[in-house]
Amino acid sequence: MTRTTYTCDGCGALLDNEKDLRKREGTTRPSWQCRVCETTVPSVVAERISHQKQNATE
């Protein structure tokens, strides 16, 4: 299975690990943000990244 990665629209950081994301609670659905610049990350992409094994290699 291919690893999901995402390039942040705000700062250009490569997000490929749950540690790169910040989850904001408080609404019906959680919203995800880049940990570096707090730009919103699409939920579908963020959920995939958050469920990946941290040390998996391709």
C-alpha atoms as a PDB file:
ATOM      1  CA  MET A   1       0.000   0.000   0.000  1.00  0.00           C
ATOM      2  CA  THR A   2       1.312   3.431  -0.906  1.00  0.00           C
ATOM      3  CA  ARG A   3       2.001   5.954   1.838  1.00  0.00           C
ATOM      4  CA  THR A   4      -0.127   9.090   1.763  1.00  0.00           C
ATOM      5  CA  THR A   5       1.760  12.372   1.771  1.00  0.00           C
ATOM      6  CA  TYR A   6       0.548  15.943   1.466  1.00  0.00           C
ATOM      7  CA  THR A   7       2.382  19.194   0.811  1.00  0.00           C
ATOM      8  CA  CYS A   8       1.028  21.975   3.013  1.00  0.00           C
ATOM      9  CA  ASP A   9      -0.469  24.857   1.029  1.00  0.00           C
ATOM     10  CA  GLY A  10       0.671  27.361   3.662  1.00  0.00           C
ATOM     11  CA  CYS A  11       4.323  26.553   4.341  1.00  0.00           C
ATOM     12  CA  GLY A  12       5.225  23.822   1.843  1.00  0.00           C
ATOM     13  CA  ALA A  13       6.036  21.246   4.547  1.00  0.00           C
ATOM     14  CA  LEU A  14       5.726  17.584   3.557  1.00  0.00           C
ATOM     15  CA  LEU A  15       3.127  15.973   5.827  1.00  0.00           C
ATOM     16  CA  ASP A  16       3.439  12.198   6.001  1.00  0.00           C
ATOM     17  CA  ASN A  17       3.217  11.435   9.692  1.00  0.00           C
ATOM     18  CA  GLU A  18       0.600  11.914  12.406  1.00  0.00           C
ATOM     19  CA  LYS A  19       3.121  14.082  14.294  1.00  0.00           C
ATOM     20  CA  ASP A  20       2.976  16.597  11.408  1.00  0.00           C
ATOM     21  CA  LEU A  21      -0.721  17.223  12.068  1.00  0.00           C
ATOM     22  CA  ARG A  22      -2.730  18.946  14.791  1.00  0.00           C
ATOM     23  CA  LYS A  23      -6.311  17.808  15.375  1.00  0.00           C
ATOM     24  CA  ARG A  24      -8.803  20.491  16.437  1.00  0.00           C
ATOM     25  CA  GLU A  25     -11.791  19.194  18.361  1.00  0.00           C
ATOM     26  CA  GLY A  26     -14.965  21.017  19.232  1.00  0.00           C
ATOM     27  CA  THR A  27     -17.076  20.602  16.120  1.00  0.00           C
ATOM     28  CA  THR A  28     -19.094  17.701  14.761  1.00  0.00           C
ATOM     29  CA  ARG A  29     -16.119  16.657  12.682  1.00  0.00           C
ATOM     30  CA  PRO A  30     -12.530  17.216  13.726  1.00  0.00           C
ATOM     31  CA  SER A  31     -10.539  19.611  11.596  1.00  0.00           C
ATOM     32  CA  TRP A  32      -6.880  18.974  10.890  1.00  0.00           C
ATOM     33  CA  GLN A  33      -4.112  21.532  10.626  1.00  0.00           C
ATOM     34  CA  CYS A  34      -0.441  21.586   9.708  1.00  0.00           C
ATOM     35  CA  ARG A  35       1.523  21.592  12.976  1.00  0.00           C
ATOM     36  CA  VAL A  36       4.045  24.084  11.532  1.00  0.00           C
ATOM     37  CA  CYS A  37       1.808  26.894  10.237  1.00  0.00           C
ATOM     38  CA  GLU A  38      -1.727  25.818  11.290  1.00  0.00           C
ATOM     39  CA  THR A  39      -3.055  25.819   7.722  1.00  0.00           C
ATOM     40  CA  THR A  40      -6.100  23.568   7.320  1.00  0.00           C
ATOM     41  CA  VAL A  41      -5.374  20.150   5.810  1.00  0.00           C
ATOM     42  CA  PRO A  42      -8.196  18.363   3.925  1.00  0.00           C
ATOM     43  CA  SER A  43      -9.839  15.871   6.312  1.00  0.00           C
ATOM     44  CA  VAL A  44      -9.694  12.917   3.917  1.00  0.00           C
ATOM     45  CA  VAL A  45      -5.938  13.310   3.492  1.00  0.00           C
ATOM     46  CA  ALA A  46      -5.333  13.992   7.190  1.00  0.00           C
ATOM     47  CA  GLU A  47      -7.310  10.912   8.267  1.00  0.00           C
ATOM     48  CA  ARG A  48      -5.277   8.718   5.915  1.00  0.00           C
ATOM     49  CA  ILE A  49      -2.010  10.161   7.222  1.00  0.00           C
ATOM     50  CA  SER A  50      -3.078   9.797  10.854  1.00  0.00           C
ATOM     51  CA  HIS A  51      -3.853   6.080  10.402  1.00  0.00           C
ATOM     52  CA  GLN A  52      -0.565   5.166   8.711  1.00  0.00           C
ATOM     53  CA  LYS A  53       1.996   3.135  10.569  1.00  0.00           C
ATOM     54  CA  GLN A  54       4.738   5.499  11.651  1.00  0.00           C
ATOM     55  CA  ASN A  55       7.735   3.376  10.596  1.00  0.00           C
ATOM     56  CA  ALA A  56       6.353   1.775   7.442  1.00  0.00           C
ATOM     57  CA  THR A  57       8.447   1.901   4.313  1.00  0.00           C
ATOM     58  CA  GLU A  58       7.350   1.373   0.755  1.00  0.00           C
END
